[in-house]
PDB file of all heavy atoms in Angstrom:
ATOM      1  N   ARG A   1       0.822  -1.219   0.000  1.00  0.00           N
ATOM      2  CA  ARG A   1       0.000   0.000   0.000  1.00  0.00           C
ATOM      3  C   ARG A   1       0.852   1.263   0.000  1.00  0.00           C
ATOM      4  O   ARG A   1       0.335   2.345  -0.285  1.00  0.00           O
ATOM      5  CB  ARG A   1      -0.918   0.006   1.226  1.00  0.00           C
ATOM      6  CG  ARG A   1      -1.962  -1.088   1.215  1.00  0.00           C
ATOM      7  CD  ARG A   1      -2.846  -1.053   2.438  1.00  0.00           C
ATOM      8  NE  ARG A   1      -3.597  -2.301   2.554  1.00  0.00           N
ATOM      9  CZ  ARG A   1      -3.466  -3.172   3.544  1.00  0.00           C
ATOM     10  NH1 ARG A   1      -2.634  -2.914   4.552  1.00  0.00           N
ATOM     11  NH2 ARG A   1      -4.171  -4.282   3.558  1.00  0.00           N
ATOM     12  N   ARG A   2       2.117   1.140   0.353  1.00  0.00           N
ATOM     13  CA  ARG A   2       2.973   2.324   0.425  1.00  0.00           C
ATOM     14  C   ARG A   2       4.058   2.314  -0.641  1.00  0.00           C
ATOM     15  O   ARG A   2       5.058   3.034  -0.544  1.00  0.00           O
ATOM     16  CB  ARG A   2       3.608   2.410   1.816  1.00  0.00           C
ATOM     17  CG  ARG A   2       4.462   1.210   2.166  1.00  0.00           C
ATOM     18  CD  ARG A   2       4.804   1.128   3.635  1.00  0.00           C
ATOM     19  NE  ARG A   2       5.702   2.167   4.055  1.00  0.00           N
ATOM     20  CZ  ARG A   2       6.642   1.989   4.997  1.00  0.00           C
ATOM     21  NH1 ARG A   2       6.792   0.825   5.576  1.00  0.00           N
ATOM     22  NH2 ARG A   2       7.412   2.981   5.343  1.00  0.00           N
ATOM     23  N   SER A   3       3.896   1.511  -1.695  1.00  0.00           N
ATOM     24  CA  SER A   3       4.919   1.411  -2.732  1.00  0.00           C
ATOM     25  C   SER A   3       4.304   0.870  -4.015  1.00  0.00           C
ATOM     26  O   SER A   3       3.105   0.592  -4.088  1.00  0.00           O
ATOM     27  CB  SER A   3       6.040   0.472  -2.274  1.00  0.00           C
ATOM     28  OG  SER A   3       5.572  -0.875  -2.266  1.00  0.00           O
ATOM     29  N   ASN A   4       5.133   0.695  -5.031  1.00  0.00           N
ATOM     30  CA  ASN A   4       4.687   0.062  -6.273  1.00  0.00           C
ATOM     31  C   ASN A   4       5.082  -1.413  -6.297  1.00  0.00           C
ATOM     32  O   ASN A   4       5.295  -1.996  -7.364  1.00  0.00           O
ATOM     33  CB  ASN A   4       5.270   0.790  -7.490  1.00  0.00           C
ATOM     34  CG  ASN A   4       6.759   0.538  -7.660  1.00  0.00           C
ATOM     35  OD1 ASN A   4       7.493   0.424  -6.671  1.00  0.00           O
ATOM     36  ND2 ASN A   4       7.227   0.473  -8.892  1.00  0.00           N
ATOM     37  N   LEU A   5       5.168  -2.036  -5.133  1.00  0.00           N
ATOM     38  CA  LEU A   5       5.622  -3.422  -5.026  1.00  0.00           C
ATOM     39  C   LEU A   5       4.833  -4.367  -5.922  1.00  0.00           C
ATOM     40  O   LEU A   5       5.419  -5.193  -6.640  1.00  0.00           O
ATOM     41  CB  LEU A   5       5.513  -3.889  -3.559  1.00  0.00           C
ATOM     42  CG  LEU A   5       5.855  -5.362  -3.305  1.00  0.00           C
ATOM     43  CD1 LEU A   5       7.326  -5.624  -3.558  1.00  0.00           C
ATOM     44  CD2 LEU A   5       5.477  -5.764  -1.879  1.00  0.00           C
ATOM     45  N   VAL A   6       3.507  -4.261  -5.907  1.00  0.00           N
ATOM     46  CA  VAL A   6       2.681  -5.195  -6.672  1.00  0.00           C
ATOM     47  C   VAL A   6       3.002  -5.119  -8.157  1.00  0.00           C
ATOM     48  O   VAL A   6       3.177  -6.145  -8.834  1.00  0.00           O
ATOM     49  CB  VAL A   6       1.185  -4.928  -6.420  1.00  0.00           C
ATOM     50  CG1 VAL A   6       0.320  -5.718  -7.393  1.00  0.00           C
ATOM     51  CG2 VAL A   6       0.819  -5.291  -4.988  1.00  0.00           C
ATOM     52  N   HIS A   7       3.107  -3.912  -8.682  1.00  0.00           N
ATOM     53  CA  HIS A   7       3.373  -3.784 -10.112  1.00  0.00           C
ATOM     54  C   HIS A   7       4.825  -4.105 -10.454  1.00  0.00           C
ATOM     55  O   HIS A   7       5.110  -4.536 -11.570  1.00  0.00           O
ATOM     56  CB  HIS A   7       2.977  -2.390 -10.596  1.00  0.00           C
ATOM     57  CG  HIS A   7       1.496  -2.224 -10.697  1.00  0.00           C
ATOM     58  ND1 HIS A   7       0.878  -0.993 -10.649  1.00  0.00           N
ATOM     59  CD2 HIS A   7       0.497  -3.125 -10.815  1.00  0.00           C
ATOM     60  CE1 HIS A   7      -0.426  -1.151 -10.756  1.00  0.00           C
ATOM     61  NE2 HIS A   7      -0.680  -2.435 -10.848  1.00  0.00           N
ATOM     62  N   ALA A   8       5.726  -3.919  -9.509  1.00  0.00           N
ATOM     63  CA  ALA A   8       7.102  -4.344  -9.751  1.00  0.00           C
ATOM     64  C   ALA A   8       7.178  -5.865  -9.854  1.00  0.00           C
ATOM     65  O   ALA A   8       7.931  -6.411 -10.665  1.00  0.00           O
ATOM     66  CB  ALA A   8       8.008  -3.852  -8.625  1.00  0.00           C
ATOM     67  N   LEU A   9       6.392  -6.557  -9.042  1.00  0.00           N
ATOM     68  CA  LEU A   9       6.406  -8.023  -9.051  1.00  0.00           C
ATOM     69  C   LEU A   9       5.669  -8.616 -10.243  1.00  0.00           C
ATOM     70  O   LEU A   9       6.025  -9.696 -10.725  1.00  0.00           O
ATOM     71  CB  LEU A   9       5.770  -8.553  -7.757  1.00  0.00           C
ATOM     72  CG  LEU A   9       6.573  -8.331  -6.469  1.00  0.00           C
ATOM     73  CD1 LEU A   9       5.740  -8.702  -5.252  1.00  0.00           C
ATOM     74  CD2 LEU A   9       7.861  -9.140  -6.486  1.00  0.00           C
ATOM     75  N   THR A  10       4.647  -7.914 -10.732  1.00  0.00           N
ATOM     76  CA  THR A  10       3.840  -8.473 -11.823  1.00  0.00           C
ATOM     77  C   THR A  10       4.186  -7.888 -13.185  1.00  0.00           C
ATOM     78  O   THR A  10       3.813  -8.460 -14.216  1.00  0.00           O
ATOM     79  CB  THR A  10       2.345  -8.240 -11.555  1.00  0.00           C
ATOM     80  OG1 THR A  10       2.102  -6.833 -11.348  1.00  0.00           O
ATOM     81  CG2 THR A  10       1.905  -9.004 -10.315  1.00  0.00           C
ATOM     82  N   MET A  11       4.876  -6.738 -13.211  1.00  0.00           N
ATOM     83  CA  MET A  11       5.290  -6.090 -14.463  1.00  0.00           C
ATOM     84  C   MET A  11       4.136  -5.986 -15.467  1.00  0.00           C
ATOM     85  O   MET A  11       4.199  -6.547 -16.567  1.00  0.00           O
ATOM     86  CB  MET A  11       6.466  -6.852 -15.084  1.00  0.00           C
ATOM     87  CG  MET A  11       7.707  -6.873 -14.212  1.00  0.00           C
ATOM     88  SD  MET A  11       9.140  -7.661 -14.969  1.00  0.00           S
ATOM     89  CE  MET A  11       8.625  -9.373 -14.966  1.00  0.00           C
ATOM     90  N   PRO A  12       3.051  -5.297 -15.122  1.00  0.00           N
ATOM     91  CA  PRO A  12       1.880  -5.272 -16.009  1.00  0.00           C
ATOM     92  C   PRO A  12       2.147  -4.629 -17.361  1.00  0.00           C
ATOM     93  O   PRO A  12       1.471  -4.949 -18.344  1.00  0.00           O
ATOM     94  CB  PRO A  12       0.862  -4.458 -15.206  1.00  0.00           C
ATOM     95  CG  PRO A  12       1.690  -3.608 -14.289  1.00  0.00           C
ATOM     96  CD  PRO A  12       2.864  -4.473 -13.928  1.00  0.00           C
ATOM     97  N   TRP A  13       3.134  -3.726 -17.429  1.00  0.00           N
ATOM     98  CA  TRP A  13       3.405  -3.068 -18.709  1.00  0.00           C
ATOM     99  C   TRP A  13       4.030  -4.036 -19.713  1.00  0.00           C
ATOM    100  O   TRP A  13       3.968  -3.832 -20.902  1.00  0.00           O
ATOM    101  CB  TRP A  13       4.343  -1.871 -18.507  1.00  0.00           C
ATOM    102  CG  TRP A  13       5.456  -2.174 -17.573  1.00  0.00           C
ATOM    103  CD1 TRP A  13       6.658  -2.770 -17.840  1.00  0.00           C
ATOM    104  CD2 TRP A  13       5.451  -1.924 -16.171  1.00  0.00           C
ATOM    105  NE1 TRP A  13       7.396  -2.900 -16.712  1.00  0.00           N
ATOM    106  CE2 TRP A  13       6.692  -2.390 -15.666  1.00  0.00           C
ATOM    107  CE3 TRP A  13       4.535  -1.352 -15.301  1.00  0.00           C
ATOM    108  CZ2 TRP A  13       7.014  -2.302 -14.316  1.00  0.00           C
ATOM    109  CZ3 TRP A  13       4.864  -1.261 -13.970  1.00  0.00           C
ATOM    110  CH2 TRP A  13       6.088  -1.729 -13.483  1.00  0.00           C
ATOM    111  N   ASN A  14       4.643  -5.117 -19.221  1.00  0.00           N
ATOM    112  CA  ASN A  14       5.201  -6.097 -20.151  1.00  0.00           C
ATOM    113  C   ASN A  14       4.125  -6.756 -21.002  1.00  0.00           C
ATOM    114  O   ASN A  14       4.368  -7.171 -22.127  1.00  0.00           O
ATOM    115  CB  ASN A  14       5.979  -7.171 -19.381  1.00  0.00           C
ATOM    116  CG  ASN A  14       7.413  -6.754 -19.117  1.00  0.00           C
ATOM    117  OD1 ASN A  14       7.821  -5.669 -19.513  1.00  0.00           O
ATOM    118  ND2 ASN A  14       8.164  -7.599 -18.457  1.00  0.00           N
ATOM    119  N   ALA A  15       2.917  -6.888 -20.437  1.00  0.00           N
ATOM    120  CA  ALA A  15       1.822  -7.487 -21.206  1.00  0.00           C
ATOM    121  C   ALA A  15       1.508  -6.646 -22.435  1.00  0.00           C
ATOM    122  O   ALA A  15       1.200  -7.174 -23.505  1.00  0.00           O
ATOM    123  CB  ALA A  15       0.587  -7.630 -20.318  1.00  0.00           C
ATOM    124  N   GLN A  16       1.625  -5.316 -22.277  1.00  0.00           N
ATOM    125  CA  GLN A  16       1.358  -4.428 -23.399  1.00  0.00           C
ATOM    126  C   GLN A  16       2.447  -4.556 -24.469  1.00  0.00           C
ATOM    127  O   GLN A  16       2.221  -4.259 -25.635  1.00  0.00           O
ATOM    128  CB  GLN A  16       1.280  -2.989 -22.900  1.00  0.00           C
ATOM    129  CG  GLN A  16       0.192  -2.763 -21.855  1.00  0.00           C
ATOM    130  CD  GLN A  16       0.264  -1.377 -21.249  1.00  0.00           C
ATOM    131  OE1 GLN A  16       1.061  -0.546 -21.670  1.00  0.00           O
ATOM    132  NE2 GLN A  16      -0.592  -1.123 -20.262  1.00  0.00           N
ATOM    133  N   LEU A  17       3.625  -5.009 -24.053  1.00  0.00           N
ATOM    134  CA  LEU A  17       4.727  -5.170 -24.994  1.00  0.00           C
ATOM    135  C   LEU A  17       4.824  -6.595 -25.519  1.00  0.00           C
ATOM    136  O   LEU A  17       5.767  -6.939 -26.222  1.00  0.00           O
ATOM    137  CB  LEU A  17       6.051  -4.791 -24.311  1.00  0.00           C
ATOM    138  CG  LEU A  17       6.134  -3.359 -23.764  1.00  0.00           C
ATOM    139  CD1 LEU A  17       7.445  -3.162 -23.008  1.00  0.00           C
ATOM    140  CD2 LEU A  17       6.031  -2.351 -24.900  1.00  0.00           C
ATOM    141  N   GLY A  18       3.846  -7.428 -25.147  1.00  0.00           N
ATOM    142  CA  GLY A  18       3.859  -8.803 -25.624  1.00  0.00           C
ATOM    143  C   GLY A  18       4.829  -9.693 -24.888  1.00  0.00           C
ATOM    144  O   GLY A  18       5.213 -10.754 -25.394  1.00  0.00           O
ATOM    145  N   ARG A  19       5.239  -9.301 -23.667  1.00  0.00           N
ATOM    146  CA  ARG A  19       6.210 -10.096 -22.915  1.00  0.00           C
ATOM    147  C   ARG A  19       5.668 -10.394 -21.510  1.00  0.00           C
ATOM    148  O   ARG A  19       6.368 -10.269 -20.523  1.00  0.00           O
ATOM    149  CB  ARG A  19       7.545  -9.349 -22.795  1.00  0.00           C
ATOM    150  CG  ARG A  19       8.217  -9.082 -24.113  1.00  0.00           C
ATOM    151  CD  ARG A  19       9.694  -8.769 -23.898  1.00  0.00           C
ATOM    152  NE  ARG A  19       9.886  -7.637 -23.014  1.00  0.00           N
ATOM    153  CZ  ARG A  19       9.971  -6.380 -23.395  1.00  0.00           C
ATOM    154  NH1 ARG A  19       9.861  -6.096 -24.683  1.00  0.00           N
ATOM    155  NH2 ARG A  19      10.169  -5.397 -22.537  1.00  0.00           N
ATOM    156  N   GLU A  20       4.425 -10.802 -21.451  1.00  0.00           N
ATOM    157  CA  GLU A  20       3.821 -11.056 -20.150  1.00  0.00           C
ATOM    158  C   GLU A  20       4.501 -12.234 -19.465  1.00  0.00           C
ATOM    159  O   GLU A  20       4.715 -13.287 -20.057  1.00  0.00           O
ATOM    160  CB  GLU A  20       2.329 -11.336 -20.305  1.00  0.00           C
ATOM    161  CG  GLU A  20       1.614 -11.492 -18.968  1.00  0.00           C
ATOM    162  CD  GLU A  20       0.121 -11.597 -19.131  1.00  0.00           C
ATOM    163  OE1 GLU A  20      -0.344 -11.613 -20.287  1.00  0.00           O
ATOM    164  OE2 GLU A  20      -0.580 -11.668 -18.113  1.00  0.00           O
ATOM    165  N   GLU A  21       4.856 -12.054 -18.199  1.00  0.00           N
ATOM    166  CA  GLU A  21       5.481 -13.102 -17.409  1.00  0.00           C
ATOM    167  C   GLU A  21       4.700 -13.254 -16.104  1.00  0.00           C
ATOM    168  O   GLU A  21       4.271 -12.269 -15.519  1.00  0.00           O
ATOM    169  CB  GLU A  21       6.940 -12.758 -17.094  1.00  0.00           C
ATOM    170  CG  GLU A  21       7.821 -12.688 -18.322  1.00  0.00           C
ATOM    171  CD  GLU A  21       9.256 -12.309 -17.962  1.00  0.00           C
ATOM    172  OE1 GLU A  21      10.005 -13.200 -17.542  1.00  0.00           O
ATOM    173  OE2 GLU A  21       9.599 -11.132 -18.099  1.00  0.00           O
ATOM    174  N   ASN A  22       4.560 -14.466 -15.668  1.00  0.00           N
ATOM    175  CA  ASN A  22       3.848 -14.725 -14.422  1.00  0.00           C
ATOM    176  C   ASN A  22       4.765 -15.502 -13.489  1.00  0.00           C
ATOM    177  O   ASN A  22       5.128 -16.641 -13.777  1.00  0.00           O
ATOM    178  CB  ASN A  22       2.567 -15.506 -14.701  1.00  0.00           C
ATOM    179  CG  ASN A  22       1.744 -15.713 -13.438  1.00  0.00           C
ATOM    180  OD1 ASN A  22       2.036 -15.125 -12.396  1.00  0.00           O
ATOM    181  ND2 ASN A  22       0.729 -16.538 -13.528  1.00  0.00           N
ATOM    182  N   PHE A  23       5.128 -14.875 -12.386  1.00  0.00           N
ATOM    183  CA  PHE A  23       6.043 -15.501 -11.430  1.00  0.00           C
ATOM    184  C   PHE A  23       5.303 -16.262 -10.327  1.00  0.00           C
ATOM    185  O   PHE A  23       5.937 -16.781  -9.414  1.00  0.00           O
ATOM    186  CB  PHE A  23       6.920 -14.434 -10.780  1.00  0.00           C
ATOM    187  CG  PHE A  23       7.863 -13.747 -11.735  1.00  0.00           C
ATOM    188  CD1 PHE A  23       8.390 -12.495 -11.416  1.00  0.00           C
ATOM    189  CD2 PHE A  23       8.226 -14.323 -12.937  1.00  0.00           C
ATOM    190  CE1 PHE A  23       9.274 -11.851 -12.279  1.00  0.00           C
ATOM    191  CE2 PHE A  23       9.107 -13.689 -13.805  1.00  0.00           C
ATOM    192  CZ  PHE A  23       9.630 -12.451 -13.478  1.00  0.00           C
ATOM    193  N   TYR A  24       3.990 -16.300 -10.421  1.00  0.00           N
ATOM    194  CA  TYR A  24       3.196 -16.905  -9.341  1.00  0.00           C
ATOM    195  C   TYR A  24       2.504 -18.176  -9.815  1.00  0.00           C
ATOM    196  O   TYR A  24       2.108 -18.256 -10.974  1.00  0.00           O
ATOM    197  CB  TYR A  24       2.173 -15.886  -8.826  1.00  0.00           C
ATOM    198  CG  TYR A  24       2.832 -14.774  -8.041  1.00  0.00           C
ATOM    199  CD1 TYR A  24       3.421 -13.697  -8.686  1.00  0.00           C
ATOM    200  CD2 TYR A  24       2.911 -14.836  -6.658  1.00  0.00           C
ATOM    201  CE1 TYR A  24       4.053 -12.693  -7.971  1.00  0.00           C
ATOM    202  CE2 TYR A  24       3.534 -13.843  -5.926  1.00  0.00           C
ATOM    203  CZ  TYR A  24       4.109 -12.768  -6.591  1.00  0.00           C
ATOM    204  OH  TYR A  24       4.744 -11.785  -5.873  1.00  0.00           O
ATOM    205  N   PRO A  25       2.370 -19.147  -8.881  1.00  0.00           N
ATOM    206  CA  PRO A  25       2.844 -19.135  -7.492  1.00  0.00           C
ATOM    207  C   PRO A  25       4.369 -19.185  -7.421  1.00  0.00           C
ATOM    208  O   PRO A  25       5.016 -19.799  -8.274  1.00  0.00           O
ATOM    209  CB  PRO A  25       2.215 -20.394  -6.894  1.00  0.00           C
ATOM    210  CG  PRO A  25       2.021 -21.306  -8.068  1.00  0.00           C
ATOM    211  CD  PRO A  25       1.677 -20.419  -9.223  1.00  0.00           C
ATOM    212  N   ILE A  26       4.925 -18.540  -6.399  1.00  0.00           N
ATOM    213  CA  ILE A  26       6.375 -18.553  -6.219  1.00  0.00           C
ATOM    214  C   ILE A  26       6.814 -19.980  -5.917  1.00  0.00           C
ATOM    215  O   ILE A  26       6.261 -20.631  -5.031  1.00  0.00           O
ATOM    216  CB  ILE A  26       6.790 -17.622  -5.061  1.00  0.00           C
ATOM    217  CG1 ILE A  26       6.368 -16.182  -5.351  1.00  0.00           C
ATOM    218  CG2 ILE A  26       8.299 -17.692  -4.829  1.00  0.00           C
ATOM    219  CD1 ILE A  26       6.655 -15.213  -4.214  1.00  0.00           C
ATOM    220  N   PRO A  27       7.794 -20.503  -6.633  1.00  0.00           N
ATOM    221  CA  PRO A  27       8.258 -21.872  -6.373  1.00  0.00           C
ATOM    222  C   PRO A  27       8.718 -22.053  -4.930  1.00  0.00           C
ATOM    223  O   PRO A  27       9.189 -21.113  -4.291  1.00  0.00           O
ATOM    224  CB  PRO A  27       9.419 -22.044  -7.354  1.00  0.00           C
ATOM    225  CG  PRO A  27       9.127 -21.069  -8.454  1.00  0.00           C
ATOM    226  CD  PRO A  27       8.486 -19.892  -7.786  1.00  0.00           C
ATOM    227  N   GLN A  28       8.594 -23.279  -4.426  1.00  0.00           N
ATOM    228  CA  GLN A  28       8.894 -23.577  -3.025  1.00  0.00           C
ATOM    229  C   GLN A  28      10.303 -23.166  -2.622  1.00  0.00           C
ATOM    230  O   GLN A  28      10.529 -22.668  -1.521  1.00  0.00           O
ATOM    231  CB  GLN A  28       8.730 -25.087  -2.767  1.00  0.00           C
ATOM    232  CG  GLN A  28       7.285 -25.566  -2.757  1.00  0.00           C
ATOM    233  CD  GLN A  28       6.657 -25.477  -1.376  1.00  0.00           C
ATOM    234  OE1 GLN A  28       6.865 -24.513  -0.648  1.00  0.00           O
ATOM    235  NE2 GLN A  28       5.897 -26.480  -1.009  1.00  0.00           N
ATOM    236  N   ARG A  29      11.262 -23.368  -3.512  1.00  0.00           N
ATOM    237  CA  ARG A  29      12.652 -23.036  -3.200  1.00  0.00           C
ATOM    238  C   ARG A  29      13.162 -21.884  -4.049  1.00  0.00           C
ATOM    239  O   ARG A  29      14.341 -21.779  -4.329  1.00  0.00           O
ATOM    240  CB  ARG A  29      13.542 -24.271  -3.377  1.00  0.00           C
ATOM    241  CG  ARG A  29      13.304 -25.336  -2.302  1.00  0.00           C
ATOM    242  CD  ARG A  29      14.022 -26.644  -2.591  1.00  0.00           C
ATOM    243  NE  ARG A  29      13.939 -27.547  -1.458  1.00  0.00           N
ATOM    244  CZ  ARG A  29      12.861 -28.259  -1.121  1.00  0.00           C
ATOM    245  NH1 ARG A  29      11.759 -28.145  -1.860  1.00  0.00           N
ATOM    246  NH2 ARG A  29      12.865 -29.054  -0.074  1.00  0.00           N
TER     247      ARG A  29
END
């Protein structure tokens, strides 16, 4: 709530560039 953490982790602008990446769920290790 006090940063851009969510968008840094999800990189929503990459979807607009055709490079959408999904890091979730975070792997166990």
